[in-house]
C-alpha cells in the first residue's frame, strides 16, 4: 500500500484513492457554496477488505476542513464514519442524516 495516493478530482466531483495509478476507492460529492454533500462511497470488489474507504474518508474530511468547508454526510458510509469518529469531525458537519 506504499503506492496509495489520495486526491480531490474537482472536475469529476469525487475524492479518489489510487494505487499504482488505478482507482481503488472513491467518494462522490456535490458542492453548494462552501458545503459539500458526500453522496456515495465505493470500492471495487477486488480492493475491498483493506480499509481503503476508511483511509480515503479520513483524508477527504481532513481536506474539507483544510479548505474551510463543511459537509453533509448523505452517504451511509460517510455518516457512519463521522458518527464512529465523533467528535473528531463534528466541527465540519452541518447536517446529520444518520
N, C-alpha and C. Protein backbone atom coordinates (compact mmCIF):
# COMPACT_ATOMS: atom_id res chain seq x y z
N UNK A 1 0.82 -1.20 0.00
CA UNK A 1 0.00 0.00 0.00
C UNK A 1 0.87 1.26 0.00
N UNK A 2 2.13 1.09 -0.22
CA UNK A 2 3.03 2.24 -0.25
C UNK A 2 2.72 3.17 -1.41
N UNK A 3 2.07 2.67 -2.43
CA UNK A 3 1.75 3.48 -3.61
C UNK A 3 0.42 4.20 -3.49
N UNK A 4 -0.23 4.15 -2.34
CA UNK A 4 -1.54 4.76 -2.19
C UNK A 4 -1.45 6.27 -2.26
N UNK A 5 -2.26 6.83 -3.14
CA UNK A 5 -2.28 8.29 -3.35
C UNK A 5 -3.73 8.77 -3.23
N UNK A 6 -3.93 9.89 -2.58
CA UNK A 6 -5.25 10.48 -2.44
C UNK A 6 -5.30 11.79 -3.20
N UNK A 7 -6.46 12.08 -3.79
CA UNK A 7 -6.61 13.37 -4.47
C UNK A 7 -8.07 13.76 -4.54
N UNK A 8 -8.27 15.07 -4.68
CA UNK A 8 -9.60 15.62 -4.90
C UNK A 8 -9.71 15.90 -6.39
N UNK A 9 -10.49 15.10 -7.08
CA UNK A 9 -10.73 15.29 -8.51
C UNK A 9 -11.92 16.24 -8.63
N UNK A 10 -11.63 17.54 -8.55
CA UNK A 10 -12.71 18.53 -8.54
C UNK A 10 -13.52 18.53 -9.83
N UNK A 11 -12.89 18.27 -10.95
CA UNK A 11 -13.62 18.22 -12.23
C UNK A 11 -14.60 17.06 -12.26
N UNK A 12 -14.26 15.97 -11.57
CA UNK A 12 -15.13 14.79 -11.52
C UNK A 12 -16.02 14.75 -10.30
N UNK A 13 -15.93 15.77 -9.43
CA UNK A 13 -16.70 15.84 -8.19
C UNK A 13 -16.56 14.56 -7.38
N UNK A 14 -15.30 14.17 -7.14
CA UNK A 14 -15.06 13.00 -6.31
C UNK A 14 -13.65 13.02 -5.74
N UNK A 15 -13.56 12.45 -4.55
CA UNK A 15 -12.28 12.17 -3.94
C UNK A 15 -11.87 10.78 -4.41
N UNK A 16 -10.59 10.61 -4.63
CA UNK A 16 -10.11 9.34 -5.18
C UNK A 16 -8.91 8.82 -4.39
N UNK A 17 -8.87 7.51 -4.24
CA UNK A 17 -7.68 6.81 -3.76
C UNK A 17 -7.17 5.99 -4.93
N UNK A 18 -5.90 6.18 -5.25
CA UNK A 18 -5.29 5.46 -6.36
C UNK A 18 -4.10 4.65 -5.85
N UNK A 19 -3.92 3.51 -6.44
CA UNK A 19 -2.79 2.66 -6.11
C UNK A 19 -2.13 2.25 -7.41
N UNK A 20 -0.92 2.69 -7.61
CA UNK A 20 -0.24 2.41 -8.87
C UNK A 20 -1.00 2.97 -10.07
N UNK A 21 -1.68 4.11 -9.86
CA UNK A 21 -2.45 4.75 -10.92
C UNK A 21 -3.85 4.20 -11.11
N UNK A 22 -4.20 3.13 -10.40
CA UNK A 22 -5.52 2.51 -10.51
C UNK A 22 -6.45 3.05 -9.42
N UNK A 23 -7.68 3.40 -9.81
CA UNK A 23 -8.68 3.86 -8.85
C UNK A 23 -9.10 2.69 -7.97
N UNK A 24 -8.88 2.83 -6.65
CA UNK A 24 -9.21 1.74 -5.73
C UNK A 24 -10.32 2.10 -4.75
N UNK A 25 -10.69 3.37 -4.67
CA UNK A 25 -11.82 3.80 -3.85
C UNK A 25 -12.17 5.23 -4.23
N UNK A 26 -13.44 5.59 -4.04
CA UNK A 26 -13.86 6.95 -4.38
C UNK A 26 -15.02 7.40 -3.52
N UNK A 27 -15.12 8.72 -3.37
CA UNK A 27 -16.24 9.36 -2.69
C UNK A 27 -16.79 10.40 -3.65
N UNK A 28 -18.04 10.24 -4.05
CA UNK A 28 -18.69 11.21 -4.93
C UNK A 28 -19.33 12.29 -4.07
N UNK A 29 -19.32 13.52 -4.58
CA UNK A 29 -19.90 14.62 -3.83
C UNK A 29 -20.50 15.67 -4.75
N UNK A 30 -21.33 16.52 -4.15
CA UNK A 30 -21.83 17.71 -4.83
C UNK A 30 -21.35 18.91 -4.01
N UNK A 31 -21.38 20.08 -4.63
CA UNK A 31 -20.92 21.29 -3.95
C UNK A 31 -21.98 22.37 -4.07
N UNK A 32 -22.27 23.01 -2.95
CA UNK A 32 -23.17 24.16 -2.91
C UNK A 32 -22.51 25.21 -2.02
N UNK A 33 -21.82 26.15 -2.66
CA UNK A 33 -21.06 27.15 -1.90
C UNK A 33 -19.92 26.49 -1.17
N UNK A 34 -19.92 26.63 0.16
CA UNK A 34 -18.87 26.02 0.98
C UNK A 34 -19.30 24.70 1.60
N UNK A 35 -20.41 24.14 1.12
CA UNK A 35 -20.91 22.88 1.67
C UNK A 35 -20.79 21.77 0.62
N UNK A 36 -20.15 20.71 1.03
CA UNK A 36 -20.00 19.53 0.17
C UNK A 36 -20.91 18.44 0.71
N UNK A 37 -21.71 17.84 -0.16
CA UNK A 37 -22.55 16.72 0.24
C UNK A 37 -21.91 15.45 -0.30
N UNK A 38 -21.49 14.58 0.61
CA UNK A 38 -20.90 13.31 0.21
C UNK A 38 -22.07 12.36 -0.09
N UNK A 39 -22.19 11.94 -1.35
CA UNK A 39 -23.35 11.18 -1.80
C UNK A 39 -23.12 9.68 -1.93
N UNK A 40 -21.88 9.27 -2.15
CA UNK A 40 -21.60 7.84 -2.35
C UNK A 40 -20.13 7.54 -2.11
N UNK A 41 -19.86 6.44 -1.46
CA UNK A 41 -18.50 5.94 -1.29
C UNK A 41 -18.47 4.54 -1.89
N UNK A 42 -17.44 4.27 -2.70
CA UNK A 42 -17.36 2.96 -3.33
C UNK A 42 -15.93 2.46 -3.44
N UNK A 43 -15.80 1.16 -3.31
CA UNK A 43 -14.53 0.47 -3.50
C UNK A 43 -14.82 -0.76 -4.35
N UNK A 44 -14.13 -0.93 -5.48
CA UNK A 44 -14.36 -2.12 -6.31
C UNK A 44 -14.14 -3.41 -5.50
N UNK A 45 -14.91 -4.46 -5.80
CA UNK A 45 -14.84 -5.70 -5.02
C UNK A 45 -13.42 -6.25 -4.83
N UNK A 46 -12.60 -6.15 -5.84
CA UNK A 46 -11.25 -6.72 -5.75
C UNK A 46 -10.34 -5.94 -4.80
N UNK A 47 -10.77 -4.77 -4.36
CA UNK A 47 -9.96 -3.96 -3.45
C UNK A 47 -10.57 -3.84 -2.05
N UNK A 48 -11.65 -4.53 -1.81
CA UNK A 48 -12.30 -4.43 -0.50
C UNK A 48 -11.53 -5.21 0.55
N UNK A 49 -11.81 -4.89 1.80
CA UNK A 49 -11.19 -5.59 2.92
C UNK A 49 -9.85 -5.01 3.33
N UNK A 50 -9.50 -3.86 2.80
CA UNK A 50 -8.22 -3.23 3.12
C UNK A 50 -8.40 -1.86 3.76
N UNK A 51 -9.62 -1.55 4.13
CA UNK A 51 -9.96 -0.27 4.77
C UNK A 51 -9.61 0.94 3.91
N UNK A 52 -9.67 0.78 2.61
CA UNK A 52 -9.36 1.87 1.70
C UNK A 52 -10.39 2.99 1.81
N UNK A 53 -11.66 2.63 1.93
CA UNK A 53 -12.70 3.66 2.05
C UNK A 53 -12.53 4.45 3.35
N UNK A 54 -12.14 3.78 4.43
CA UNK A 54 -11.88 4.48 5.70
C UNK A 54 -10.74 5.48 5.53
N UNK A 55 -9.66 5.03 4.91
CA UNK A 55 -8.49 5.90 4.74
C UNK A 55 -8.82 7.08 3.84
N UNK A 56 -9.55 6.83 2.76
CA UNK A 56 -9.94 7.91 1.86
C UNK A 56 -10.88 8.88 2.55
N UNK A 57 -11.83 8.36 3.31
CA UNK A 57 -12.79 9.22 4.01
C UNK A 57 -12.08 10.13 5.00
N UNK A 58 -11.15 9.59 5.76
CA UNK A 58 -10.39 10.40 6.71
C UNK A 58 -9.63 11.51 5.97
N UNK A 59 -8.99 11.15 4.85
CA UNK A 59 -8.23 12.12 4.07
C UNK A 59 -9.16 13.20 3.51
N UNK A 60 -10.32 12.77 2.98
CA UNK A 60 -11.27 13.71 2.39
C UNK A 60 -11.82 14.67 3.45
N UNK A 61 -12.17 14.16 4.61
CA UNK A 61 -12.70 15.02 5.68
C UNK A 61 -11.64 16.02 6.14
N UNK A 62 -10.40 15.58 6.22
CA UNK A 62 -9.32 16.50 6.59
C UNK A 62 -9.13 17.56 5.51
N UNK A 63 -9.30 17.17 4.25
CA UNK A 63 -9.20 18.13 3.15
C UNK A 63 -10.34 19.15 3.20
N UNK A 64 -11.54 18.67 3.49
CA UNK A 64 -12.69 19.57 3.63
C UNK A 64 -12.41 20.61 4.71
N UNK A 65 -11.91 20.16 5.84
CA UNK A 65 -11.59 21.07 6.95
C UNK A 65 -10.52 22.07 6.53
N UNK A 66 -9.47 21.60 5.87
CA UNK A 66 -8.36 22.47 5.45
C UNK A 66 -8.84 23.54 4.46
N UNK A 67 -9.87 23.24 3.69
CA UNK A 67 -10.40 24.19 2.72
C UNK A 67 -11.44 25.13 3.34
N UNK A 68 -11.74 24.94 4.63
CA UNK A 68 -12.71 25.80 5.30
C UNK A 68 -14.14 25.51 4.89
N UNK A 69 -14.39 24.27 4.47
CA UNK A 69 -15.73 23.88 4.04
C UNK A 69 -16.39 23.02 5.10
N UNK A 70 -17.65 22.70 4.84
CA UNK A 70 -18.45 21.83 5.70
C UNK A 70 -18.98 20.68 4.85
N UNK A 71 -19.50 19.64 5.52
CA UNK A 71 -20.08 18.51 4.79
C UNK A 71 -21.47 18.17 5.28
N UNK A 72 -22.22 17.57 4.38
CA UNK A 72 -23.47 16.87 4.69
C UNK A 72 -23.18 15.41 4.35
N UNK A 73 -23.16 14.52 5.34
CA UNK A 73 -22.85 13.12 5.09
C UNK A 73 -24.07 12.32 4.63
N UNK A 74 -24.51 12.56 3.40
CA UNK A 74 -25.66 11.84 2.85
C UNK A 74 -25.35 10.37 2.62
N UNK A 75 -24.14 10.08 2.24
CA UNK A 75 -23.69 8.70 2.02
C UNK A 75 -23.73 7.93 3.35
N UNK A 76 -24.36 6.76 3.39
CA UNK A 76 -24.41 5.99 4.64
C UNK A 76 -23.03 5.64 5.20
N UNK A 77 -22.08 5.36 4.33
CA UNK A 77 -20.73 5.04 4.81
C UNK A 77 -20.11 6.25 5.51
N UNK A 78 -20.22 7.41 4.88
CA UNK A 78 -19.66 8.64 5.47
C UNK A 78 -20.37 8.98 6.77
N UNK A 79 -21.70 8.85 6.79
CA UNK A 79 -22.46 9.13 8.01
C UNK A 79 -22.01 8.23 9.16
N UNK A 80 -21.81 6.96 8.86
CA UNK A 80 -21.35 6.01 9.88
C UNK A 80 -19.94 6.35 10.34
N UNK A 81 -19.06 6.69 9.40
CA UNK A 81 -17.68 7.05 9.73
C UNK A 81 -17.65 8.26 10.65
N UNK A 82 -18.42 9.29 10.31
CA UNK A 82 -18.46 10.51 11.13
C UNK A 82 -18.99 10.20 12.52
N UNK A 83 -20.03 9.38 12.60
CA UNK A 83 -20.59 9.01 13.91
C UNK A 83 -19.58 8.23 14.75
N UNK A 84 -18.87 7.30 14.12
CA UNK A 84 -17.89 6.48 14.83
C UNK A 84 -16.69 7.30 15.30
N UNK A 85 -16.41 8.39 14.61
CA UNK A 85 -15.24 9.20 14.94
C UNK A 85 -15.62 10.54 15.57
N UNK A 86 -16.82 10.61 16.12
CA UNK A 86 -17.25 11.81 16.83
C UNK A 86 -16.45 11.90 18.12
N UNK A 87 -15.99 13.05 18.50
CA UNK A 87 -16.27 14.37 17.97
C UNK A 87 -15.23 14.89 16.96
N UNK A 88 -14.38 14.01 16.45
CA UNK A 88 -13.28 14.43 15.57
C UNK A 88 -13.71 15.31 14.40
N UNK A 89 -14.89 15.04 13.84
CA UNK A 89 -15.31 15.78 12.66
C UNK A 89 -16.60 16.58 12.87
N UNK A 90 -17.05 16.68 14.11
CA UNK A 90 -18.29 17.41 14.40
C UNK A 90 -18.25 18.85 13.92
N UNK A 91 -17.07 19.47 13.93
CA UNK A 91 -16.96 20.88 13.55
C UNK A 91 -17.21 21.14 12.08
N UNK A 92 -17.15 20.10 11.24
CA UNK A 92 -17.37 20.32 9.80
C UNK A 92 -18.69 19.74 9.30
N UNK A 93 -19.45 19.10 10.17
CA UNK A 93 -20.73 18.51 9.77
C UNK A 93 -21.84 19.53 10.00
N UNK A 94 -22.56 19.89 8.92
CA UNK A 94 -23.64 20.85 9.06
C UNK A 94 -25.00 20.19 9.23
N UNK A 95 -25.11 18.94 8.84
CA UNK A 95 -26.39 18.26 8.95
C UNK A 95 -26.13 16.76 9.03
N UNK A 96 -26.62 16.14 10.09
CA UNK A 96 -26.50 14.69 10.22
C UNK A 96 -27.78 14.06 9.70
N UNK A 97 -27.61 13.04 8.88
CA UNK A 97 -28.76 12.34 8.33
C UNK A 97 -28.88 10.93 8.86
N UNK A 98 -27.97 10.56 9.76
CA UNK A 98 -27.91 9.17 10.24
C UNK A 98 -27.81 9.13 11.74
